[in-house]
Amino acid sequence: MVIARFNPSRIIQWGSVLEPRHFSAISDIDLAIEGVGSLEFLTLFRLAEAETKFPLDVVRWENLEPEFQRVILMKGEIRYRRLISSSNSERTGH
């Protein structure tokens, strides 16, 4: 839904969802979305919330401090990256 409708350049996942022994019914899902405009991001967040029963922590990459971006890149996994050509996409991860 997110990729097809909003065409982000990158989606990065981090947090307890990446470590099954720490993920539980009270966990949230942490995602950083890059390449989506501010107004589109609000719609994206609302629609993404409706797709899961887990709480979401979805952040717009461009709004993050560089230090937090580095932490996310060190601890997270890139789940999606748009190729240079807008007609092709590459999925990474699972």
Protein backbone atom coordinates (compact mmCIF):
# COMPACT_ATOMS: atom_id res chain seq x y z
CA MET A 1 0.00 0.00 0.00
CA VAL A 2 2.70 2.50 0.99
CA ILE A 3 5.00 1.78 -1.95
CA ALA A 4 2.32 1.74 -4.63
CA ARG A 5 0.49 4.83 -3.44
CA PHE A 6 3.27 7.07 -2.07
CA ASN A 7 6.38 5.94 -4.00
CA PRO A 8 8.90 6.47 -1.16
CA SER A 9 12.59 6.33 -1.96
CA ARG A 10 13.35 4.19 1.08
CA ILE A 11 11.68 2.42 4.01
CA ILE A 12 13.81 1.51 7.01
CA GLN A 13 12.62 -0.66 9.87
CA TRP A 14 14.21 -0.71 13.30
CA GLY A 15 13.41 -1.56 16.90
CA SER A 16 12.10 -4.64 18.66
CA VAL A 17 10.31 -5.99 15.59
CA LEU A 18 13.75 -6.94 14.24
CA GLU A 19 14.53 -9.04 17.32
CA PRO A 20 11.85 -11.69 17.80
CA ARG A 21 12.82 -12.37 21.40
CA HIS A 22 12.06 -8.72 22.25
CA PHE A 23 8.92 -8.32 20.12
CA SER A 24 5.65 -8.91 21.96
CA ALA A 25 1.97 -8.05 21.91
CA ILE A 26 2.78 -4.67 23.48
CA SER A 27 5.54 -3.75 21.03
CA ASP A 28 5.27 -1.10 18.36
CA ILE A 29 6.49 -1.14 14.77
CA ASP A 30 9.18 1.43 13.99
CA LEU A 31 9.54 2.69 10.41
CA ALA A 32 11.35 5.59 8.78
CA ILE A 33 9.95 6.68 5.42
CA GLU A 34 12.13 8.68 3.03
CA GLY A 35 11.05 10.59 -0.05
CA VAL A 36 7.44 11.39 0.81
CA GLY A 37 6.24 14.98 1.14
CA SER A 38 5.03 16.36 4.48
CA LEU A 39 1.34 16.42 3.59
CA GLU A 40 1.45 13.01 1.90
CA PHE A 41 3.18 11.64 4.99
CA LEU A 42 0.19 12.49 7.18
CA THR A 43 -2.10 10.50 4.89
CA LEU A 44 0.43 7.66 4.72
CA PHE A 45 0.57 7.46 8.51
CA ARG A 46 -3.22 7.39 8.86
CA LEU A 47 -3.58 4.63 6.27
CA ALA A 48 -0.69 2.60 7.70
CA GLU A 49 -2.27 2.71 11.17
CA ALA A 50 -5.42 1.17 9.76
CA GLU A 51 -3.40 -1.77 8.36
CA THR A 52 -2.09 -3.11 11.69
CA LYS A 53 -3.21 -3.77 15.24
CA PHE A 54 0.23 -2.85 16.54
CA PRO A 55 1.04 0.74 17.48
CA LEU A 56 3.17 2.45 14.83
CA ASP A 57 6.13 4.75 15.23
CA VAL A 58 6.44 6.05 11.67
CA VAL A 59 8.79 8.96 11.11
CA ARG A 60 9.56 11.04 8.07
CA TRP A 61 13.29 10.59 7.35
CA GLU A 62 13.78 14.17 6.20
CA ASN A 63 12.55 15.47 9.58
CA LEU A 64 15.07 13.47 11.63
CA GLU A 65 18.27 14.85 13.08
CA PRO A 66 21.39 13.43 11.36
CA GLU A 67 22.42 11.69 14.60
CA PHE A 68 19.11 9.80 14.77
CA GLN A 69 19.38 8.92 11.07
CA ARG A 70 22.78 7.34 11.77
CA VAL A 71 21.39 5.32 14.68
CA ILE A 72 18.50 4.05 12.55
CA LEU A 73 20.89 3.05 9.75
CA MET A 74 23.19 1.25 12.21
CA LYS A 75 20.45 -0.64 14.03
CA GLY A 76 17.78 -0.92 11.37
CA GLU A 77 17.22 -2.73 8.11
CA ILE A 78 16.36 -1.19 4.77
CA ARG A 79 13.15 -2.97 3.75
CA TYR A 80 12.62 -1.11 0.50
CA ARG A 81 14.71 1.08 -1.77
CA ARG A 82 13.50 2.69 -4.98
CA LEU A 83 15.89 2.24 -7.87
CA ILE A 84 17.13 5.31 -9.74
CA SER A 85 14.61 4.67 -12.50
CA SER A 86 11.14 5.47 -11.17
CA SER A 87 9.68 2.67 -13.27
CA ASN A 88 11.60 -0.07 -11.42
CA SER A 89 11.71 -0.91 -7.72
CA GLU A 90 13.88 -3.13 -5.59
CA ARG A 91 12.73 -4.78 -2.39
CA THR A 92 15.34 -5.59 0.20
CA GLY A 93 15.05 -7.66 3.32
CA HIS A 94 12.12 -10.03 3.81
